[in-house]
Amino acid sequence: MRLLSLPLLAAVAGLLITAPARAADGLEAVTLQLKWKHQFQFAGYYVAAEKGYYRNAGFQVRFAEAGGAEDSIATVAGGKAEFGVAGSELALRRAQGEPVVALATILQHSALALAVRGGGTQTVHDLTGQRIMVSPHDQELFAYLQREGLGGDRVQRVAPSFDIQDLISGRVQGFSVYTTDQVWALRQAGLAHTVLSPRAAGIDFYGDTLFTSEKLARSAPERVQAFRDASLRGWQYAMAYPQEAADLILARYSQRLPREHLLFEAAEMARLMQPQLIEIGHMNPGRWHHIAEVYAEIGMLPRSFSLDGFLFGAHRGNAASPHSWLLAGALFLLLAGAAAWLAWDNRQLRQALRMASAPATPDADTPSHRDALTGLYSRSYLEDTLARDLQRAQRHREPLSVALAQVKGLDQVAATEGAAAADALQRALAAMLQAQLQPGEYACRADGGTLAWVMPGHAPAAATARVQQLLQAFASQAHWTGLIELRGSAAAGVAALGQDGDTVAGLLSQAQVRLNANAASG
């Protein structure tokens, strides 16, 4: 038997040491360190596990709850978990030298705020000299207080108990809260309170962000990307079907909070995520840099801070050795030459086919094709694109259905609750509709309070079933404008290519007739 050389043995040992842990079924075992206890705040990750998105990506994921003092950033940076969830302090800690890398921002606006005892006339300056509880990790609230001149000993900081009862009982005058969470308890207790957001001082930070260690981002970028993709897929599903996600949490993870509380979280998170306007997980490098600049402004960072390497993407492809890159490069060039010729040939063919059979497609990203209130496409986009889809469906003899939907009694809501409340209900219905879209479908604001949903490939029965699911979900959930709870119902009408017409005007007219009839009968 031939003995292995010492260098080869060392190489094999190195591979064994750095190899990821494997579960019994061959999946890679990883830990996701949460920043709080099980609740809807982390629903997307639970759904990714339940629906098999993590398993399909090769992961077995353990979710680690946090209590009060746990620090998810230190846990991941220290190698005790592969992934974690943190807030905007992630940028602060990176600039301070912590080797963490942001993967995806879940909340486009932070849910952190200060809850203050008393009615709506309270301001942050009413906390001067008062006792407040702020978590040591809630750095953006310290930035808020300092920017408002309440740094140092201008307020009495009390060691946090992480128990909202301390505010309800009057032990403290101010308490750091997540608007998606503890505000529910304040309402249930009937406490007169004011929620003060750092946005009032121009501090509009990102909220919950998925992150990992720089070591993992550099050594296994493909695995990190796979985990990120599976997580975001889970979030897309969770926000499209919040009731199902809430039931999953109650069944598998925790019954600490009632279902109504979980759905309150879901509605408030939708407001902060804005999934109808912004892709879930989107991160703007400039905004992260602005967050760090605010920390530098108030003295938490030096002006010479650096966020180099903070956003995932710069690390991809850095793990391979120079020799492996040379070999891979040579193979790539060889294959690329053949692939380029095939791509060019196929491209010419596709272009010729498109020019022969397809009308021009409007640019969906131009401002004229977006509705300012709902974020959906505009009426002009609907008419142009639906005409094209009708031609395609007729040519291929495929079904196509169009639904029109609107919130019932919008005029009455505007008269009694104000125009902002009516707009909030329209945005809520639009957001839920946007979350239901399947590939090839699109939603538009057709006219006034009417939304259009185009479903290529759907016969009327299937389209009607999906529309009814949307209407039931909308009616069963509370919607919010600021801290005002709104409830409403919606009506819809469906028209189908062939049985109801074959033109844009014909289909929209028939769908409107059915919408009017359903709204009147409801």
Protein backbone atom coordinates (compact mmCIF):
# COMPACT_ATOMS: atom_id res chain seq x y z
CA MET A 1 0.00 0.00 0.00
CA ARG A 2 1.30 3.43 -0.96
CA LEU A 3 1.45 6.03 1.80
CA LEU A 4 0.09 9.53 1.29
CA SER A 5 2.66 12.30 1.41
CA LEU A 6 2.62 14.74 4.32
CA PRO A 7 1.54 17.70 2.12
CA LEU A 8 -1.34 15.66 0.74
CA LEU A 9 -2.38 14.55 4.21
CA ALA A 10 -2.31 18.16 5.33
CA ALA A 11 -4.48 19.16 2.40
CA VAL A 12 -7.02 16.42 3.14
CA ALA A 13 -7.08 17.40 6.81
CA GLY A 14 -7.68 21.01 5.84
CA LEU A 15 -10.64 20.05 3.69
CA LEU A 16 -12.13 18.02 6.52
CA ILE A 17 -11.69 20.86 8.97
CA THR A 18 -13.31 23.46 6.72
CA ALA A 19 -16.09 21.22 5.38
CA PRO A 20 -19.56 22.32 6.48
CA ALA A 21 -21.45 20.27 9.06
CA ARG A 22 -23.77 17.71 7.51
CA ALA A 23 -27.07 16.48 8.85
CA ALA A 24 -27.94 12.80 8.79
CA ASP A 25 -29.71 13.14 5.43
CA GLY A 26 -26.73 14.83 3.80
CA LEU A 27 -28.04 18.37 4.10
CA GLU A 28 -25.76 21.14 5.31
CA ALA A 29 -26.70 22.00 8.90
CA VAL A 30 -26.75 25.75 9.55
CA THR A 31 -28.12 28.00 12.28
CA LEU A 32 -30.08 31.20 11.71
CA GLN A 33 -29.79 33.42 14.78
CA LEU A 34 -32.98 35.43 15.20
CA LYS A 35 -32.99 38.79 16.95
CA TRP A 36 -36.05 37.99 19.08
CA LYS A 37 -38.49 35.23 19.92
CA HIS A 38 -40.55 33.28 17.41
CA GLN A 39 -43.22 35.50 15.80
CA PHE A 40 -44.28 36.80 12.39
CA GLN A 41 -41.18 38.99 12.28
CA PHE A 42 -39.36 35.88 11.01
CA ALA A 43 -42.22 34.24 9.09
CA GLY A 44 -40.38 34.11 5.77
CA TYR A 45 -37.65 31.91 7.21
CA TYR A 46 -40.16 29.50 8.75
CA VAL A 47 -42.00 29.26 5.43
CA ALA A 48 -38.71 28.58 3.60
CA ALA A 49 -38.20 25.61 5.90
CA GLU A 50 -41.81 24.38 5.78
CA LYS A 51 -42.11 24.60 1.99
CA GLY A 52 -38.80 22.83 1.40
CA TYR A 53 -36.99 25.85 -0.08
CA TYR A 54 -34.07 25.38 2.28
CA ARG A 55 -34.03 21.63 1.75
CA ASN A 56 -34.01 22.04 -2.01
CA ALA A 57 -31.04 24.37 -1.62
CA GLY A 58 -29.23 21.73 0.46
CA PHE A 59 -29.77 23.12 3.97
CA GLN A 60 -31.15 21.90 7.25
CA VAL A 61 -31.79 25.07 9.21
CA ARG A 62 -32.03 25.50 12.96
CA PHE A 63 -33.71 28.69 14.16
CA ALA A 64 -32.17 30.10 17.34
CA GLU A 65 -34.42 32.39 19.36
CA ALA A 66 -32.99 35.39 21.16
CA GLY A 67 -34.00 36.66 24.53
CA GLY A 68 -33.20 40.14 25.72
CA ALA A 69 -29.43 40.43 25.90
CA GLU A 70 -28.40 38.11 23.05
CA ASP A 71 -26.47 39.82 20.29
CA SER A 72 -27.11 38.22 16.90
CA ILE A 73 -24.20 40.10 15.32
CA ALA A 74 -21.69 38.84 17.88
CA THR A 75 -23.14 35.33 17.59
CA VAL A 76 -22.59 35.19 13.82
CA ALA A 77 -19.26 37.05 13.82
CA GLY A 78 -18.04 34.64 16.51
CA GLY A 79 -18.92 31.58 14.44
CA LYS A 80 -21.73 30.31 16.69
CA ALA A 81 -24.27 30.70 13.86
CA GLU A 82 -23.87 30.88 10.11
CA PHE A 83 -26.61 33.45 9.48
CA GLY A 84 -28.43 36.05 11.51
CA VAL A 85 -31.03 38.82 11.55
CA ALA A 86 -30.11 42.31 12.73
CA GLY A 87 -31.21 45.91 12.24
CA SER A 88 -29.43 48.98 10.94
CA GLU A 89 -26.80 48.65 13.67
CA LEU A 90 -25.28 46.10 11.29
CA ALA A 91 -23.67 48.98 9.36
CA LEU A 92 -22.42 50.53 12.59
CA ARG A 93 -20.84 47.30 13.74
CA ARG A 94 -19.25 46.65 10.33
CA ALA A 95 -17.70 50.11 10.35
CA GLN A 96 -16.43 49.38 13.86
CA GLY A 97 -14.63 46.30 12.56
CA GLU A 98 -17.09 43.43 13.01
CA PRO A 99 -16.65 40.98 10.06
CA VAL A 100 -20.32 40.84 9.00
CA VAL A 101 -21.85 41.01 5.53
CA ALA A 102 -25.39 42.14 4.69
CA LEU A 103 -27.30 39.75 2.40
CA ALA A 104 -30.84 41.12 2.07
CA THR A 105 -32.93 43.82 3.71
CA ILE A 106 -36.39 42.60 4.67
CA LEU A 107 -37.82 45.84 6.11
CA GLN A 108 -37.25 48.89 3.93
CA HIS A 109 -38.12 51.07 6.92
CA SER A 110 -37.19 50.29 10.50
CA ALA A 111 -39.90 49.21 12.92
CA LEU A 112 -38.02 50.67 15.89
CA ALA A 113 -39.73 53.53 17.70
CA LEU A 114 -40.22 55.04 21.15
CA ALA A 115 -43.57 54.49 22.82
CA VAL A 116 -44.40 57.27 25.28
CA ARG A 117 -47.16 57.35 27.86
CA GLY A 118 -49.81 59.95 27.00
CA GLY A 119 -51.90 61.02 24.04
CA GLY A 120 -51.01 62.23 20.58
CA THR A 121 -49.65 65.61 21.73
CA GLN A 122 -46.51 64.03 23.18
CA THR A 123 -43.16 64.83 21.59
CA VAL A 124 -39.73 63.37 22.13
CA HIS A 125 -38.80 66.43 24.19
CA ASP A 126 -41.43 65.47 26.77
CA LEU A 127 -39.01 62.70 27.73
CA THR A 128 -36.50 65.22 29.10
CA GLY A 129 -35.60 64.08 32.61
CA GLN A 130 -37.91 61.05 32.33
CA ARG A 131 -37.16 57.37 32.85
CA ILE A 132 -36.89 55.41 29.62
CA MET A 133 -36.01 51.84 28.63
CA VAL A 134 -34.04 51.38 25.42
CA SER A 135 -32.37 48.12 24.42
CA PRO A 136 -28.56 48.38 24.10
CA HIS A 137 -28.86 47.10 20.52
CA ASP A 138 -31.31 49.83 19.46
CA GLN A 139 -28.59 52.20 18.33
CA GLU A 140 -30.82 54.14 15.97
CA LEU A 141 -32.97 55.22 18.92
CA PHE A 142 -29.88 56.55 20.66
CA ALA A 143 -29.10 58.38 17.42
CA TYR A 144 -32.65 59.77 17.44
CA LEU A 145 -32.36 61.01 21.03
CA GLN A 146 -28.95 62.51 20.44
CA ARG A 147 -30.03 64.29 17.25
CA GLU A 148 -32.96 65.76 19.23
CA GLY A 149 -30.62 66.99 21.97
CA LEU A 150 -31.54 64.28 24.48
CA GLY A 151 -28.17 62.54 24.68
CA GLY A 152 -26.10 62.04 27.79
CA ASP A 153 -28.00 62.55 31.04
CA ARG A 154 -30.90 64.51 29.53
CA VAL A 155 -33.00 61.34 30.07
CA GLN A 156 -32.82 58.70 32.79
CA ARG A 157 -31.92 55.40 31.20
CA VAL A 158 -33.26 52.39 33.07
CA ALA A 159 -31.81 48.92 32.49
CA PRO A 160 -34.15 47.27 29.95
CA SER A 161 -36.44 44.51 31.14
CA PHE A 162 -37.80 43.86 27.62
CA ASP A 163 -41.26 43.76 29.25
CA ILE A 164 -43.80 46.25 27.88
CA GLN A 165 -45.66 46.06 31.20
CA ASP A 166 -43.07 48.46 32.59
CA LEU A 167 -44.50 51.15 30.32
CA ILE A 168 -48.10 50.13 30.91
CA SER A 169 -47.64 50.21 34.70
CA GLY A 170 -45.91 53.60 34.61
CA ARG A 171 -42.53 52.42 35.83
CA VAL A 172 -41.05 54.24 32.84
CA GLN A 173 -42.32 57.05 30.64
CA GLY A 174 -40.70 55.85 27.41
CA PHE A 175 -39.99 52.38 26.01
CA SER A 176 -38.30 51.17 22.83
CA VAL A 177 -40.81 49.18 20.78
CA TYR A 178 -41.16 47.43 17.49
CA THR A 179 -44.22 48.95 15.85
CA THR A 180 -44.95 45.52 14.40
CA ASP A 181 -45.08 43.97 17.86
CA GLN A 182 -45.43 45.70 21.24
CA VAL A 183 -47.85 48.36 19.98
CA TRP A 184 -50.41 45.54 19.90
CA ALA A 185 -50.02 45.04 23.66
CA LEU A 186 -50.43 48.77 24.32
CA ARG A 187 -53.70 48.82 22.40
CA GLN A 188 -54.96 45.70 24.13
CA ALA A 189 -54.17 47.31 27.50
CA GLY A 190 -56.05 50.47 26.51
CA LEU A 191 -53.07 52.67 27.40
CA ALA A 192 -53.09 56.17 25.97
CA HIS A 193 -49.74 56.41 24.24
CA THR A 194 -47.80 58.06 21.44
CA VAL A 195 -45.40 56.29 19.11
CA LEU A 196 -42.43 58.47 18.14
CA SER A 197 -40.47 57.37 15.07
CA PRO A 198 -36.86 58.36 14.36
CA ARG A 199 -38.11 59.29 10.89
CA ALA A 200 -39.43 62.49 12.49
CA ALA A 201 -35.78 63.52 12.88
CA GLY A 202 -34.79 62.47 9.38
CA ILE A 203 -33.44 59.09 10.50
CA ASP A 204 -35.00 56.63 8.06
CA PHE A 205 -32.97 53.47 8.55
CA TYR A 206 -33.36 49.99 7.15
CA GLY A 207 -35.00 47.45 9.43
CA ASP A 208 -34.44 43.70 9.75
CA THR A 209 -31.62 42.49 7.52
CA LEU A 210 -30.38 38.97 6.82
CA PHE A 211 -26.60 38.74 7.21
CA THR A 212 -23.68 36.33 7.51
CA SER A 213 -20.02 36.39 8.46
CA GLU A 214 -17.38 37.70 6.09
CA LYS A 215 -15.56 34.38 6.46
CA LEU A 216 -18.53 32.43 5.10
CA ALA A 217 -19.26 35.00 2.39
CA ARG A 218 -15.70 34.65 1.11
CA SER A 219 -15.25 30.90 1.48
CA ALA A 220 -18.66 29.72 0.21
CA PRO A 221 -20.38 32.51 -1.76
CA GLU A 222 -22.48 30.07 -3.77
CA ARG A 223 -23.89 28.51 -0.59
CA VAL A 224 -24.57 31.94 0.89
CA GLN A 225 -26.38 32.94 -2.30
CA ALA A 226 -28.45 29.74 -2.18
CA PHE A 227 -29.46 30.43 1.42
CA ARG A 228 -30.36 34.03 0.58
CA ASP A 229 -32.47 32.99 -2.42
CA ALA A 230 -34.36 30.34 -0.43
CA SER A 231 -35.01 32.82 2.39
CA LEU A 232 -36.40 35.48 0.05
CA ARG A 233 -38.60 32.92 -1.64
CA GLY A 234 -39.99 32.12 1.80
CA TRP A 235 -40.66 35.80 2.45
CA GLN A 236 -42.48 36.21 -0.84
CA TYR A 237 -44.80 33.35 0.08
CA ALA A 238 -45.29 34.50 3.68
CA MET A 239 -46.35 37.99 2.62
CA ALA A 240 -48.64 36.61 -0.09
CA TYR A 241 -50.34 34.21 2.38
CA PRO A 242 -49.96 35.74 5.87
CA GLN A 243 -52.76 33.72 7.41
CA GLU A 244 -51.11 30.46 6.37
CA ALA A 245 -47.80 31.73 7.74
CA ALA A 246 -49.44 32.68 11.05
CA ASP A 247 -50.96 29.21 11.35
CA LEU A 248 -47.53 27.68 10.69
CA ILE A 249 -45.99 29.71 13.51
CA LEU A 250 -48.69 28.63 15.94
CA ALA A 251 -48.44 24.98 14.93
CA ARG A 252 -44.66 24.57 14.72
CA TYR A 253 -42.87 27.34 16.57
CA SER A 254 -44.70 29.25 19.28
CA GLN A 255 -48.11 29.93 20.77
CA ARG A 256 -46.77 32.83 22.82
CA LEU A 257 -48.75 35.31 20.73
CA PRO A 258 -52.37 34.92 19.57
CA ARG A 259 -53.21 34.65 15.89
CA GLU A 260 -54.63 38.17 15.85
CA HIS A 261 -51.29 39.51 17.06
CA LEU A 262 -49.41 37.63 14.35
CA LEU A 263 -51.71 39.04 11.66
CA PHE A 264 -51.24 42.52 13.11
CA GLU A 265 -47.50 41.98 12.66
CA ALA A 266 -48.04 40.83 9.09
CA ALA A 267 -50.05 43.93 8.17
CA GLU A 268 -47.56 46.31 9.76
CA MET A 269 -44.62 44.53 8.15
CA ALA A 270 -46.26 44.86 4.74
CA ARG A 271 -46.39 48.63 5.32
CA LEU A 272 -42.69 48.73 6.19
CA MET A 273 -41.61 46.28 3.47
CA GLN A 274 -43.64 47.88 0.64
CA PRO A 275 -43.46 44.64 -1.40
CA GLN A 276 -45.75 46.12 -4.06
CA LEU A 277 -43.15 48.80 -4.78
CA ILE A 278 -39.78 47.29 -3.85
CA GLU A 279 -38.48 43.78 -4.37
CA ILE A 280 -38.16 41.95 -1.07
CA GLY A 281 -34.50 41.89 -0.06
CA HIS A 282 -33.47 44.96 -2.06
CA MET A 283 -30.54 46.95 -0.64
CA ASN A 284 -29.30 50.34 -1.82
CA PRO A 285 -25.56 50.83 -1.14
CA GLY A 286 -26.06 54.58 -0.94
CA ARG A 287 -28.68 54.21 1.76
CA TRP A 288 -26.43 51.98 3.85
CA HIS A 289 -23.70 54.59 3.48
CA HIS A 290 -26.16 57.27 4.63
CA ILE A 291 -26.99 55.19 7.71
CA ALA A 292 -23.29 55.03 8.60
CA GLU A 293 -22.99 58.78 7.99
CA VAL A 294 -25.74 59.44 10.55
CA TYR A 295 -23.85 57.34 13.09
CA ALA A 296 -20.71 59.33 12.29
CA GLU A 297 -22.62 62.62 12.62
CA ILE A 298 -23.57 61.88 16.20
CA GLY A 299 -20.15 60.57 17.16
CA MET A 300 -20.78 56.81 17.11
CA LEU A 301 -18.32 56.40 14.22
CA PRO A 302 -15.27 58.30 13.03
CA ARG A 303 -15.73 60.32 9.86
CA SER A 304 -13.24 58.01 8.12
CA PHE A 305 -15.47 54.93 8.47
CA SER A 306 -15.39 52.24 5.79
CA LEU A 307 -18.13 49.90 4.59
CA ASP A 308 -15.91 48.13 2.04
CA GLY A 309 -17.02 44.53 1.70
CA PHE A 310 -20.21 45.09 3.71
CA LEU A 311 -22.69 44.21 0.98
CA PHE A 312 -22.77 40.66 -0.34
CA GLY A 313 -21.59 40.37 -3.91
CA ALA A 314 -18.05 41.69 -3.56
CA HIS A 315 -17.05 38.36 -2.03
CA ARG A 316 -18.30 36.04 -4.74
CA GLY A 317 -15.58 34.09 -6.43
CA ASN A 318 -12.83 34.99 -3.94
CA ALA A 319 -12.45 31.55 -2.42
CA ALA A 320 -10.62 29.73 -5.21
CA SER A 321 -6.83 29.51 -5.46
CA PRO A 322 -4.91 31.19 -8.32
CA HIS A 323 -4.14 27.83 -9.91
CA SER A 324 -7.78 26.77 -9.87
CA TRP A 325 -8.73 30.08 -11.39
CA LEU A 326 -6.25 29.55 -14.26
CA LEU A 327 -7.66 26.11 -14.99
CA ALA A 328 -11.24 27.32 -14.71
CA GLY A 329 -10.45 30.32 -16.88
CA ALA A 330 -8.97 28.22 -19.66
CA LEU A 331 -11.99 25.92 -19.64
CA PHE A 332 -14.32 28.89 -19.55
CA LEU A 333 -12.69 30.52 -22.58
CA LEU A 334 -12.91 27.28 -24.52
CA LEU A 335 -16.59 26.80 -23.74
CA ALA A 336 -17.42 30.47 -24.05
CA GLY A 337 -16.25 30.57 -27.65
CA ALA A 338 -18.69 27.86 -28.65
CA ALA A 339 -21.46 29.22 -26.45
CA ALA A 340 -21.04 32.73 -27.83
CA TRP A 341 -21.47 31.52 -31.41
CA LEU A 342 -24.58 29.52 -30.48
CA ALA A 343 -25.99 32.44 -28.51
CA TRP A 344 -25.39 34.82 -31.42
CA ASP A 345 -27.05 32.43 -33.85
CA ASN A 346 -30.05 31.88 -31.56
CA ARG A 347 -30.29 35.59 -30.84
CA GLN A 348 -30.53 36.41 -34.52
CA LEU A 349 -33.30 33.85 -34.90
CA ARG A 350 -35.24 35.12 -31.88
CA GLN A 351 -34.90 38.70 -33.03
CA ALA A 352 -36.24 37.84 -36.46
CA LEU A 353 -39.20 36.02 -34.92
CA ARG A 354 -39.96 38.92 -32.57
CA MET A 355 -39.82 41.46 -35.37
CA ALA A 356 -42.14 39.35 -37.46
CA SER A 357 -44.79 38.55 -34.87
CA ALA A 358 -44.68 40.75 -31.76
CA PRO A 359 -45.80 44.35 -31.39
CA ALA A 360 -43.63 46.77 -29.48
CA THR A 361 -43.69 46.31 -25.70
CA PRO A 362 -44.10 49.43 -23.58
CA ASP A 363 -41.33 50.21 -21.11
CA ALA A 364 -42.84 49.25 -17.77
CA ASP A 365 -40.24 51.16 -15.78
CA THR A 366 -41.01 54.62 -17.14
CA PRO A 367 -42.87 56.92 -14.71
CA SER A 368 -45.82 57.22 -17.08
CA HIS A 369 -46.48 53.51 -16.69
CA ARG A 370 -46.60 53.54 -12.87
CA ASP A 371 -49.43 54.72 -10.64
CA ALA A 372 -48.20 56.97 -7.83
CA LEU A 373 -50.76 55.84 -5.22
CA THR A 374 -50.66 52.07 -5.56
CA GLY A 375 -47.34 51.43 -7.28
CA LEU A 376 -49.17 49.28 -9.85
CA TYR A 377 -49.00 49.84 -13.59
CA SER A 378 -51.07 52.63 -15.12
CA ARG A 379 -54.17 52.58 -17.30
CA SER A 380 -52.10 53.28 -20.41
CA TYR A 381 -49.86 50.31 -19.65
CA LEU A 382 -52.94 48.13 -19.14
CA GLU A 383 -54.44 49.03 -22.50
CA ASP A 384 -51.19 48.64 -24.45
CA THR A 385 -50.07 45.40 -22.83
CA LEU A 386 -53.49 43.74 -22.67
CA ALA A 387 -53.92 44.34 -26.41
CA ARG A 388 -50.67 42.52 -27.04
CA ASP A 389 -51.61 39.66 -24.69
CA LEU A 390 -55.00 39.26 -26.36
CA GLN A 391 -53.33 38.88 -29.75
CA ARG A 392 -50.96 36.28 -28.37
CA ALA A 393 -53.73 34.33 -26.61
CA GLN A 394 -55.88 34.32 -29.75
CA ARG A 395 -52.97 33.26 -31.91
CA HIS A 396 -52.13 30.32 -29.64
CA ARG A 397 -55.75 29.60 -28.68
CA GLU A 398 -55.02 30.03 -24.99
CA PRO A 399 -57.38 31.29 -22.26
CA LEU A 400 -57.04 34.73 -20.72
CA SER A 401 -59.08 36.36 -17.98
CA VAL A 402 -59.27 39.91 -16.67
CA ALA A 403 -60.53 40.86 -13.21
CA LEU A 404 -61.51 44.32 -11.97
CA ALA A 405 -61.61 44.86 -8.20
CA GLN A 406 -62.23 47.77 -5.89
CA VAL A 407 -62.68 48.50 -2.20
CA LYS A 408 -66.33 48.89 -1.30
CA GLY A 409 -67.58 52.22 0.01
CA LEU A 410 -64.40 54.21 -0.62
CA ASP A 411 -66.31 57.49 -0.72
CA GLN A 412 -67.86 56.77 2.66
CA VAL A 413 -64.48 55.84 4.14
CA ALA A 414 -63.02 59.10 2.83
CA ALA A 415 -65.92 61.07 4.31
CA THR A 416 -65.79 59.47 7.75
CA GLU A 417 -62.13 58.54 8.20
CA GLY A 418 -60.42 60.90 5.79
CA ALA A 419 -58.80 60.63 2.38
CA ALA A 420 -55.65 59.11 3.88
CA ALA A 421 -57.67 56.16 5.19
CA ALA A 422 -59.29 55.59 1.79
CA ASP A 423 -55.89 55.70 0.13
CA ALA A 424 -54.51 53.26 2.70
CA LEU A 425 -57.23 50.73 1.89
CA GLN A 426 -56.54 51.07 -1.83
CA ARG A 427 -52.83 50.54 -1.24
CA ALA A 428 -53.54 47.52 0.94
CA LEU A 429 -55.70 45.87 -1.72
CA ALA A 430 -53.09 46.69 -4.35
CA ALA A 431 -50.33 45.19 -2.21
CA MET A 432 -52.27 41.98 -1.63
CA LEU A 433 -53.06 41.74 -5.34
CA GLN A 434 -49.42 42.31 -6.25
CA ALA A 435 -48.40 39.51 -3.90
CA GLN A 436 -50.76 37.08 -5.69
CA LEU A 437 -49.28 37.59 -9.15
CA GLN A 438 -47.87 34.61 -10.97
CA PRO A 439 -45.31 34.76 -13.81
CA GLY A 440 -46.78 36.54 -16.84
CA GLU A 441 -49.50 38.28 -14.84
CA TYR A 442 -49.67 41.98 -13.99
CA ALA A 443 -51.84 44.39 -12.04
CA CYS A 444 -52.79 47.96 -12.92
CA ARG A 445 -54.82 50.82 -11.53
CA ALA A 446 -57.52 50.90 -14.18
CA ASP A 447 -59.53 53.91 -13.14
CA GLY A 448 -60.03 55.76 -9.85
CA GLY A 449 -60.41 53.10 -7.18
CA THR A 450 -60.58 50.19 -9.64
CA LEU A 451 -57.69 47.76 -9.98
CA ALA A 452 -57.19 45.41 -12.92
CA TRP A 453 -55.65 41.94 -12.73
CA VAL A 454 -54.67 40.30 -16.04
CA MET A 455 -54.27 36.51 -15.90
CA PRO A 456 -52.98 34.98 -19.15
CA GLY A 457 -53.50 31.22 -19.29
CA HIS A 458 -56.41 31.27 -16.82
CA ALA A 459 -59.92 30.15 -17.75
CA PRO A 460 -62.76 32.05 -16.02
CA ALA A 461 -63.39 29.41 -13.33
CA ALA A 462 -59.75 29.37 -12.21
CA ALA A 463 -59.52 33.16 -12.39
CA THR A 464 -62.69 33.60 -10.35
CA ALA A 465 -61.42 31.22 -7.66
CA ARG A 466 -58.20 33.22 -7.29
CA VAL A 467 -60.07 36.50 -7.16
CA GLN A 468 -62.38 35.18 -4.43
CA GLN A 469 -59.33 34.12 -2.44
CA LEU A 470 -57.99 37.67 -2.70
CA LEU A 471 -61.28 39.24 -1.62
CA GLN A 472 -61.62 36.91 1.37
CA ALA A 473 -58.06 37.62 2.49
CA PHE A 474 -58.58 41.38 2.20
CA ALA A 475 -61.80 41.29 4.22
CA SER A 476 -60.31 39.13 6.97
CA GLN A 477 -57.31 41.33 7.72
CA ALA A 478 -56.88 44.61 9.51
CA HIS A 479 -55.11 47.33 7.58
CA TRP A 480 -53.36 50.32 9.03
CA THR A 481 -52.67 53.94 8.26
CA GLY A 482 -50.12 55.02 10.82
CA LEU A 483 -51.61 53.62 14.01
CA ILE A 484 -55.27 53.70 12.89
CA GLU A 485 -56.83 50.29 12.29
CA LEU A 486 -58.94 49.98 9.16
CA ARG A 487 -61.15 47.17 7.95
CA GLY A 488 -62.86 46.92 4.61
CA SER A 489 -64.22 44.61 1.97
CA ALA A 490 -63.85 44.53 -1.78
CA ALA A 491 -65.83 43.41 -4.82
CA ALA A 492 -64.68 42.14 -8.19
CA GLY A 493 -65.84 41.14 -11.65
CA VAL A 494 -64.16 38.70 -14.04
CA ALA A 495 -64.33 38.61 -17.84
CA ALA A 496 -62.80 36.00 -20.12
CA LEU A 497 -61.48 36.08 -23.65
CA GLY A 498 -63.94 34.49 -26.06
CA GLN A 499 -67.08 34.27 -23.99
CA ASP A 500 -67.03 37.97 -23.03
CA GLY A 501 -65.31 39.53 -26.02
CA ASP A 502 -61.98 39.67 -27.78
CA THR A 503 -60.99 43.33 -27.42
CA VAL A 504 -59.55 45.38 -24.55
CA ALA A 505 -62.61 47.59 -24.38
CA GLY A 506 -65.02 44.63 -24.53
CA LEU A 507 -63.34 42.67 -21.73
CA LEU A 508 -62.92 45.66 -19.43
CA SER A 509 -66.52 46.72 -20.02
CA GLN A 510 -67.91 43.26 -19.17
CA ALA A 511 -65.68 42.96 -16.10
CA GLN A 512 -66.93 46.39 -14.95
CA VAL A 513 -70.57 45.33 -15.35
CA ARG A 514 -69.97 42.29 -13.14
CA LEU A 515 -67.98 44.34 -10.64
CA ASN A 516 -70.85 46.82 -10.32
CA ALA A 517 -73.36 44.03 -9.86
CA ASN A 518 -71.27 42.27 -7.20
CA ALA A 519 -70.58 45.53 -5.35
CA ALA A 520 -74.32 46.34 -5.27
CA SER A 521 -75.34 42.85 -4.12
CA GLY A 522 -72.74 42.80 -1.34
